[in-house]
Protein backbone atom coordinates (compact mmCIF):
# COMPACT_ATOMS: atom_id res chain seq x y z
CA MET A 1 -1.72 13.36 -18.51
CA LYS A 2 1.77 12.75 -17.45
CA ILE A 3 1.85 10.63 -14.27
CA ALA A 4 4.85 9.59 -12.10
CA VAL A 5 4.59 6.59 -9.83
CA MET A 6 7.25 6.71 -7.16
CA GLY A 7 7.80 3.29 -5.96
CA ALA A 8 6.99 0.84 -8.85
CA GLY A 9 6.27 -2.30 -6.68
CA ALA A 10 2.99 -4.36 -6.96
CA VAL A 11 0.58 -1.47 -6.03
CA GLY A 12 2.51 1.13 -8.06
CA CYS A 13 2.56 -1.12 -11.16
CA TYR A 14 -0.96 -1.95 -10.85
CA TYR A 15 -2.33 1.47 -10.85
CA GLY A 16 0.38 2.96 -13.17
CA GLY A 17 -0.32 0.18 -15.67
CA MET A 18 -4.08 0.66 -15.55
CA LEU A 19 -3.49 4.51 -16.31
CA ALA A 20 -1.08 3.67 -18.93
CA ARG A 21 -3.36 1.37 -20.61
CA ALA A 22 -5.95 4.16 -20.70
CA GLY A 23 -3.52 6.31 -22.67
CA HIS A 24 -1.81 8.32 -20.12
CA ASP A 25 2.08 9.10 -20.16
CA VAL A 26 3.10 6.97 -17.05
CA VAL A 27 6.47 7.13 -15.55
CA LEU A 28 7.49 4.15 -13.33
CA ILE A 29 10.31 4.88 -10.78
CA GLY A 30 11.49 1.43 -9.53
CA ARG A 31 14.42 -1.02 -9.02
CA PRO A 32 16.79 -1.45 -11.95
CA GLN A 33 16.01 -5.12 -12.64
CA HIS A 34 12.20 -4.17 -12.81
CA VAL A 35 12.93 -1.11 -14.92
CA GLU A 36 14.97 -3.03 -17.48
CA ALA A 37 12.32 -5.66 -17.99
CA VAL A 38 9.54 -2.89 -18.48
CA ARG A 39 11.74 -1.01 -20.97
CA ARG A 40 12.40 -4.17 -22.86
CA ASP A 41 8.86 -5.61 -22.95
CA GLY A 42 6.31 -3.24 -21.32
CA LEU A 43 4.76 -4.08 -18.07
CA PHE A 44 3.00 -7.38 -18.25
CA MET A 45 -0.34 -7.17 -16.45
CA GLU A 46 -1.95 -10.43 -15.28
CA THR A 47 -5.39 -9.33 -14.08
CA GLN A 48 -8.61 -11.05 -13.42
CA THR A 49 -10.07 -9.57 -16.64
CA PHE A 50 -7.29 -9.18 -19.02
CA GLN A 51 -3.62 -10.11 -19.65
CA ALA A 52 -1.38 -7.71 -21.71
CA HIS A 53 1.91 -6.14 -22.10
CA VAL A 54 1.12 -2.49 -21.43
CA PRO A 55 3.99 -0.31 -23.11
CA MET A 56 5.43 2.46 -20.95
CA ARG A 57 6.90 5.50 -22.99
CA ALA A 58 10.61 5.26 -22.59
CA SER A 59 10.65 7.29 -19.38
CA ILE A 60 11.30 4.76 -16.74
CA ASP A 61 14.03 5.39 -14.20
CA ALA A 62 15.87 3.45 -11.46
CA SER A 63 15.00 4.06 -7.87
CA ILE A 64 18.15 6.02 -7.23
CA ASP A 65 17.00 8.65 -9.61
CA ALA A 66 13.55 10.40 -9.16
CA SER A 67 13.92 12.69 -12.02
CA GLY A 68 11.14 10.91 -13.82
CA VAL A 69 8.84 13.00 -11.54
CA ARG A 70 9.85 16.13 -13.48
CA GLY A 71 6.87 17.34 -15.40
CA ALA A 72 4.26 15.04 -13.90
CA GLN A 73 0.85 16.55 -13.32
CA LEU A 74 -0.04 13.66 -10.86
CA VAL A 75 2.36 11.77 -8.63
CA LEU A 76 1.46 8.57 -6.94
CA CYS A 77 3.73 7.77 -4.07
CA CYS A 78 3.62 4.01 -3.61
CA VAL A 79 6.89 3.28 -1.67
CA LYS A 80 6.98 1.26 1.51
CA SER A 81 6.11 3.16 4.76
CA THR A 82 9.62 2.86 5.91
CA ASP A 83 10.82 4.79 2.65
CA THR A 84 8.45 7.72 3.10
CA GLU A 85 10.83 10.37 4.07
CA SER A 86 13.56 9.28 1.78
CA ALA A 87 11.08 9.27 -1.06
CA ALA A 88 10.05 12.85 -0.44
CA ASP A 89 13.62 14.03 -0.32
CA GLU A 90 14.45 12.26 -3.72
CA MET A 91 11.23 13.80 -5.32
CA ALA A 92 11.49 17.25 -3.95
CA PRO A 93 13.91 18.74 -6.54
CA TYR A 94 11.81 17.48 -9.36
CA LEU A 95 8.07 18.28 -8.38
CA GLU A 96 6.09 20.76 -10.39
CA PRO A 97 4.46 23.53 -8.41
CA GLY A 98 1.01 22.47 -9.44
CA ALA A 99 1.36 18.78 -9.29
CA VAL A 100 -1.14 16.67 -7.35
CA LEU A 101 0.31 14.21 -5.02
CA LEU A 102 -1.36 11.11 -3.64
CA SER A 103 -0.05 8.66 -1.04
CA LEU A 104 -1.07 5.07 -2.01
CA GLN A 105 0.67 3.39 0.84
CA ASN A 106 -0.10 1.11 3.95
CA GLY A 107 -0.49 2.80 7.28
CA VAL A 108 -2.50 5.78 8.33
CA ASP A 109 0.23 8.58 8.61
CA ASN A 110 2.22 8.55 5.28
CA ALA A 111 0.48 11.59 3.68
CA ALA A 112 1.00 13.69 6.71
CA ARG A 113 4.79 12.48 6.75
CA LEU A 114 5.04 13.29 3.09
CA GLN A 115 3.40 16.75 3.64
CA ALA A 116 5.69 17.62 6.55
CA ARG A 117 8.73 16.85 4.57
CA LEU A 118 7.68 18.58 1.30
CA GLY A 119 5.83 21.49 2.80
CA ARG A 120 2.90 21.00 0.25
CA GLU A 121 -0.39 19.22 0.28
CA VAL A 122 -0.37 15.48 -0.05
CA GLY A 123 -3.77 13.66 -0.32
CA PRO A 124 -4.13 10.21 1.52
CA ALA A 125 -5.59 7.35 -0.51
CA VAL A 126 -6.92 4.10 0.86
CA VAL A 127 -5.95 1.38 -1.44
CA TYR A 128 -7.97 -1.81 -1.68
CA VAL A 129 -6.15 -4.20 -4.11
CA ALA A 130 -4.60 -7.48 -4.03
CA THR A 131 -1.50 -7.63 -6.02
CA GLU A 132 1.95 -9.04 -6.23
CA MET A 133 5.20 -8.76 -8.46
CA ALA A 134 5.25 -12.25 -9.97
CA ALA A 135 8.55 -11.49 -11.68
CA PRO A 136 10.50 -8.36 -12.90
CA GLY A 137 8.04 -6.46 -15.13
CA HIS A 138 5.11 -8.74 -14.32
CA VAL A 139 2.39 -7.67 -12.01
CA LYS A 140 -0.28 -10.19 -10.90
CA HIS A 141 -3.62 -8.94 -9.79
CA HIS A 142 -5.71 -11.15 -7.45
CA GLY A 143 -8.67 -8.85 -6.88
CA ARG A 144 -10.36 -5.61 -6.25
CA GLY A 145 -8.73 -2.17 -7.04
CA GLU A 146 -10.74 0.69 -5.64
CA LEU A 147 -9.37 3.71 -4.00
CA VAL A 148 -10.80 6.05 -1.34
CA ILE A 149 -9.71 9.58 -1.38
CA GLY A 150 -10.55 12.78 0.70
CA PRO A 151 -12.17 15.82 -0.82
CA SER A 152 -10.01 18.40 -2.45
CA ALA A 153 -9.74 20.80 -5.33
CA ALA A 154 -8.67 17.96 -7.57
CA SER A 155 -10.76 15.27 -6.25
CA ASP A 156 -13.49 15.41 -8.95
CA GLU A 157 -10.87 15.36 -11.71
CA LEU A 158 -9.14 12.33 -10.02
CA VAL A 159 -12.47 10.35 -9.88
CA LYS A 160 -12.86 11.02 -13.61
CA LEU A 161 -9.42 10.14 -14.36
CA PHE A 162 -9.27 6.77 -12.56
CA ALA A 163 -12.75 6.02 -13.71
CA GLY A 164 -11.45 6.18 -17.36
CA ALA A 165 -8.79 3.61 -16.44
CA GLY A 166 -11.30 1.27 -14.90
CA VAL A 167 -10.42 2.07 -11.25
CA PRO A 168 -13.29 3.09 -9.11
CA VAL A 169 -12.60 5.96 -6.64
CA GLN A 170 -14.76 7.17 -3.79
CA VAL A 171 -14.47 10.43 -2.15
CA SER A 172 -15.01 10.39 1.61
CA ASP A 173 -15.26 13.17 4.18
CA ASN A 174 -13.73 10.52 6.75
CA VAL A 175 -10.69 9.36 4.81
CA VAL A 176 -8.70 9.16 8.08
CA GLY A 177 -11.35 6.74 9.30
CA ALA A 178 -11.10 4.79 6.14
CA LEU A 179 -7.50 4.49 6.61
CA TRP A 180 -7.89 3.04 9.99
CA ALA A 181 -10.52 0.71 8.74
CA LYS A 182 -7.95 -0.72 6.35
CA LEU A 183 -5.25 -0.68 9.00
CA VAL A 184 -7.51 -2.87 11.15
CA VAL A 185 -7.66 -5.40 8.42
CA ASN A 186 -3.96 -5.26 7.68
CA CYS A 187 -3.31 -5.84 11.50
CA ALA A 188 -5.55 -8.72 11.55
CA TYR A 189 -3.94 -10.53 8.48
CA ASN A 190 -0.50 -9.22 7.68
CA ALA A 191 1.62 -10.54 10.55
CA LEU A 192 -0.22 -13.84 10.85
CA SER A 193 0.21 -14.40 7.04
CA ALA A 194 3.76 -13.46 7.24
CA ILE A 195 4.50 -15.87 10.33
CA THR A 196 2.76 -18.71 8.77
CA GLN A 197 3.43 -18.07 5.09
CA LEU A 198 -0.15 -18.96 4.54
CA PRO A 199 -2.68 -17.37 2.13
CA TYR A 200 -5.71 -15.72 3.84
CA GLY A 201 -8.27 -18.48 3.00
CA ARG A 202 -6.20 -21.25 4.66
CA LEU A 203 -4.97 -18.99 7.47
CA VAL A 204 -8.53 -18.34 8.95
CA GLN A 205 -9.15 -22.10 9.13
CA GLY A 206 -6.40 -22.49 11.76
CA GLU A 207 -7.37 -23.33 15.39
CA GLY A 208 -7.72 -20.24 17.40
CA VAL A 209 -7.13 -17.89 14.63
CA GLU A 210 -10.60 -16.26 14.60
CA ALA A 211 -10.30 -15.50 18.46
CA LEU A 212 -6.81 -14.01 17.96
CA MET A 213 -8.03 -11.79 15.03
CA ARG A 214 -11.02 -10.60 17.10
CA ASP A 215 -8.60 -9.54 19.93
CA VAL A 216 -6.46 -7.61 17.30
CA VAL A 217 -9.46 -5.98 15.99
CA ALA A 218 -10.82 -4.91 19.33
CA GLU A 219 -7.47 -3.44 20.22
CA CYS A 220 -7.12 -1.50 17.01
CA LEU A 221 -10.67 0.00 17.51
CA ALA A 222 -10.02 0.86 21.03
CA VAL A 223 -6.85 2.79 20.09
CA ALA A 224 -8.79 4.49 17.15
CA ALA A 225 -11.50 5.56 19.58
CA GLY A 226 -8.89 6.84 22.10
CA ALA A 227 -7.32 9.00 19.27
CA GLY A 228 -10.81 10.31 18.32
CA VAL A 229 -10.98 8.60 15.04
CA SER A 230 -14.37 7.17 13.94
CA VAL A 231 -13.82 4.02 11.95
CA PRO A 232 -16.56 3.50 9.44
CA GLY A 233 -18.42 0.14 8.94
CA ASP A 234 -18.37 -3.11 10.64
CA SER A 235 -14.57 -3.83 10.93
CA TRP A 236 -15.08 -7.59 11.97
CA ALA A 237 -17.25 -8.24 8.89
CA ALA A 238 -14.62 -6.51 6.72
CA VAL A 239 -11.95 -8.86 8.21
CA GLN A 240 -14.07 -11.89 7.52
CA GLY A 241 -14.83 -10.78 4.01
CA ILE A 242 -11.05 -10.55 3.11
CA ALA A 243 -10.65 -14.17 3.38
CA ARG A 244 -13.81 -14.94 1.14
CA SER A 245 -12.79 -12.31 -1.53
CA MET A 246 -9.10 -12.95 -1.44
CA PRO A 247 -8.52 -16.52 -0.37
CA ASN A 248 -5.27 -17.02 -2.27
CA GLN A 249 -3.63 -13.65 -1.37
CA MET A 250 -0.50 -13.51 0.74
CA SER A 251 0.00 -10.43 2.70
CA SER A 252 2.54 -7.90 1.71
CA THR A 253 4.45 -8.58 4.94
CA ALA A 254 4.44 -12.24 4.07
CA GLN A 255 5.81 -11.45 0.60
CA ASP A 256 8.44 -9.22 2.18
CA LEU A 257 9.70 -11.95 4.49
CA ALA A 258 9.73 -14.56 1.96
CA ARG A 259 12.09 -12.28 -0.04
CA ARG A 260 14.11 -11.48 2.97
CA LYS A 261 13.01 -7.68 2.67
CA PRO A 262 12.29 -5.34 5.62
CA SER A 263 8.41 -5.26 6.03
CA GLU A 264 6.08 -2.42 7.07
CA ILE A 265 5.18 -4.21 10.36
CA ASP A 266 6.25 -1.03 12.44
CA HIS A 267 3.64 0.91 10.46
CA LEU A 268 0.83 -1.68 11.08
CA ASN A 269 0.77 -3.66 14.25
CA GLY A 270 3.62 -1.65 15.56
CA TYR A 271 1.87 1.69 14.96
CA VAL A 272 -1.11 0.50 16.87
CA LEU A 273 1.14 -0.68 19.75
CA ARG A 274 2.95 2.85 19.89
CA GLN A 275 -0.37 4.73 19.72
CA GLY A 276 -1.79 2.51 22.46
CA GLU A 277 1.15 3.08 24.72
CA ALA A 278 0.75 6.86 24.12
CA LEU A 279 -2.84 6.64 25.07
CA GLY A 280 -2.49 4.30 27.92
CA ILE A 281 -4.43 1.51 25.98
CA ALA A 282 -3.03 -2.12 26.31
CA THR A 283 -2.53 -3.96 22.96
CA PRO A 284 -1.09 -7.22 23.77
CA ALA A 285 -2.20 -9.14 20.79
CA ASN A 286 -0.66 -6.44 18.42
CA ARG A 287 2.35 -6.49 20.62
CA VAL A 288 3.10 -10.28 20.08
CA LEU A 289 2.42 -10.16 16.40
CA HIS A 290 4.75 -7.11 16.01
CA VAL A 291 7.54 -8.77 18.13
CA VAL A 292 7.48 -12.16 16.16
CA VAL A 293 7.55 -10.46 12.78
CA ARG A 294 10.51 -8.39 13.74
CA LEU A 295 12.27 -11.52 15.10
CA LEU A 296 11.76 -13.33 11.70
CA GLU A 297 13.03 -10.19 9.97
CA ALA A 298 16.22 -10.16 12.12
CA ARG A 299 16.64 -13.98 11.51
CA SER A 300 16.42 -13.21 7.78
CA VAL A 301 19.10 -10.45 7.90
CA SER A 302 21.57 -12.70 10.06
CA ALA A 303 21.07 -15.61 7.66
CA ASP A 304 22.17 -13.17 4.75
CA ARG A 305 25.41 -12.32 6.61
């Protein structure tokens, strides 16, 4: 199958690399420096079970050119939530009429935003993977890797496709609730990891951290309930489990701030804050974390000028 990955960052490279390793024709659409490294050496995947240079067929484009989407039967949108609309506009001229689109992004509303922009169905996927770009053309996998998708005409085929690449996929009738379940975890960890620049295992040992995380989780669940969303599972147990299963992982927000890049905080704690305001639900813990991360982003921008 020809598969295009729009946004070849850590998440896109991991899933694109797994699919390419299984024999599919994968096109990575990413930044020029990264593209050149993959063209030259293939994608170097450093995972918990193998290390390998995975060759990508020559069809890798820079982010300013989304023509690599042309002819793809499956398109994985893995761009930052801040780039969702622009990615949709870049892909639109090249999408095949019968292509299946999946959003593998943080936040809960990206699939809907893509769908509104493109005027066609886009499936949401909940991504549970810890990865980072260690260097151009080098993706490092720290743990997990499963996906949750909603039921669709293509869901059975997608389950088989990803299973053949070593990626477990679960089909859920409550994918929106699953997206919120992940959002709760992200809101608990991402900002705190970014502010402190600490990995999860060390972060949770800090004095007062558990109480703050409990406040964040409670606020998120209150907003979800107010929005009519049923969040599955035990959210606090899920938050606790992350530090045990990924003790050395830094949040994507922490990685963005360390590289002086804009983060997705507006679509994490900021999203909960806005939804809470609309519903009349107070979210003070999420508000503080959102404000502090935005201040740190602004400081980075000012330092670069």
